[in-house]
Amino acid sequence: MGMENYMEAIEDVSTRAMKEFGISKELDKITSDWAPVEFEFNIMKNTADVLLIKNFEECVGLTDEHLGMITNLNFSPYKKEFEEQIESL
């Protein structure tokens, strides 16, 4: 059937598809993790104009986790199809 003549091309396409699927899943995870987050604020004691983020720990934790993921995505040679979405995060 001559499939062996196309093995390298098939492997390249397969690898690219797997890597792009992985990027897609990571972007979905980042988006879904932030979807339920609501920024809640408290007024700092003895001030009228200083607001503190009530759920600061949650926001910092997600930011730390996702910053590493986004950095890795930016260095991926397979990011081309997702560049716009990555840049919007």
Protein backbone atom coordinates (compact mmCIF):
# COMPACT_ATOMS: atom_id res chain seq x y z
CA MET A 1 0.00 0.00 0.00
CA GLY A 2 3.03 2.27 0.33
CA MET A 3 2.17 3.72 3.76
CA GLU A 4 5.80 3.42 4.80
CA ASN A 5 6.56 6.22 2.32
CA TYR A 6 4.35 8.55 4.37
CA MET A 7 5.29 7.45 7.90
CA GLU A 8 7.38 10.53 8.69
CA ALA A 9 4.64 12.89 7.50
CA ILE A 10 2.01 10.93 9.44
CA GLU A 11 4.15 11.06 12.59
CA ASP A 12 4.67 14.82 12.17
CA VAL A 13 0.96 15.46 11.76
CA SER A 14 0.15 13.19 14.70
CA THR A 15 2.70 14.89 16.97
CA ARG A 16 1.45 18.34 16.01
CA ALA A 17 -2.16 17.33 16.65
CA MET A 18 -1.30 15.91 20.09
CA LYS A 19 0.66 19.03 21.08
CA GLU A 20 -2.10 21.35 19.85
CA PHE A 21 -4.69 19.30 21.74
CA GLY A 22 -2.59 19.68 24.89
CA ILE A 23 -2.39 23.46 24.41
CA SER A 24 -6.14 23.60 23.87
CA LYS A 25 -6.76 21.68 27.10
CA GLU A 26 -4.43 23.97 29.07
CA LEU A 27 -6.17 27.08 27.72
CA ASP A 28 -9.56 25.56 28.60
CA LYS A 29 -8.33 24.84 32.14
CA ILE A 30 -7.07 28.40 32.64
CA THR A 31 -10.34 29.84 31.36
CA SER A 32 -12.52 27.52 33.43
CA ASP A 33 -10.45 28.09 36.60
CA TRP A 34 -10.98 31.86 36.38
CA ALA A 35 -14.65 31.73 35.31
CA PRO A 36 -16.11 31.38 38.83
CA VAL A 37 -13.69 33.83 40.46
CA GLU A 38 -15.34 37.00 41.66
CA PHE A 39 -13.21 39.74 43.09
CA GLU A 40 -14.53 40.67 46.50
CA PHE A 41 -13.32 43.74 48.34
CA ASN A 42 -13.25 44.96 51.91
CA ILE A 43 -12.55 48.49 53.01
CA MET A 44 -9.34 48.70 55.00
CA LYS A 45 -9.95 49.61 58.63
CA ASN A 46 -9.57 53.28 59.51
CA THR A 47 -9.62 54.32 55.85
CA ALA A 48 -12.41 55.18 53.51
CA ASP A 49 -10.61 54.82 50.21
CA VAL A 50 -8.37 51.76 50.46
CA LEU A 51 -9.85 48.50 49.23
CA LEU A 52 -8.40 45.08 49.98
CA ILE A 53 -9.10 42.02 47.88
CA LYS A 54 -11.04 39.66 50.11
CA ASN A 55 -10.11 36.49 48.19
CA PHE A 56 -6.48 37.53 47.66
CA GLU A 57 -4.97 34.10 48.40
CA GLU A 58 -7.15 32.39 45.79
CA CYS A 59 -6.28 35.01 43.16
CA VAL A 60 -2.55 34.84 43.85
CA GLY A 61 -2.60 31.03 43.78
CA LEU A 62 -4.34 30.92 40.41
CA THR A 63 -2.09 33.65 39.04
CA ASP A 64 1.06 31.77 40.09
CA GLU A 65 -0.16 28.50 38.63
CA HIS A 66 -1.35 29.99 35.36
CA LEU A 67 1.59 32.32 34.83
CA GLY A 68 3.86 29.27 34.60
CA MET A 69 1.48 27.55 32.19
CA ILE A 70 1.20 30.64 29.97
CA THR A 71 4.97 31.09 29.95
CA ASN A 72 5.40 27.49 28.77
CA LEU A 73 2.73 27.97 26.11
CA ASN A 74 4.53 31.06 24.81
CA PHE A 75 7.67 29.02 24.21
CA SER A 76 5.89 26.14 22.51
CA PRO A 77 6.68 25.66 18.84
CA TYR A 78 3.06 24.51 18.42
CA LYS A 79 1.39 27.70 19.70
CA LYS A 80 0.77 29.36 16.32
CA GLU A 81 -2.93 28.41 16.16
CA PHE A 82 -3.47 29.74 19.69
CA GLU A 83 -1.33 32.90 19.77
CA GLU A 84 -4.28 35.28 19.87
CA GLN A 85 -5.93 33.37 22.71
CA ILE A 86 -2.65 33.09 24.66
CA GLU A 87 -2.02 36.82 24.29
CA SER A 88 -5.50 37.63 25.59
CA LEU A 89 -4.86 35.89 28.92
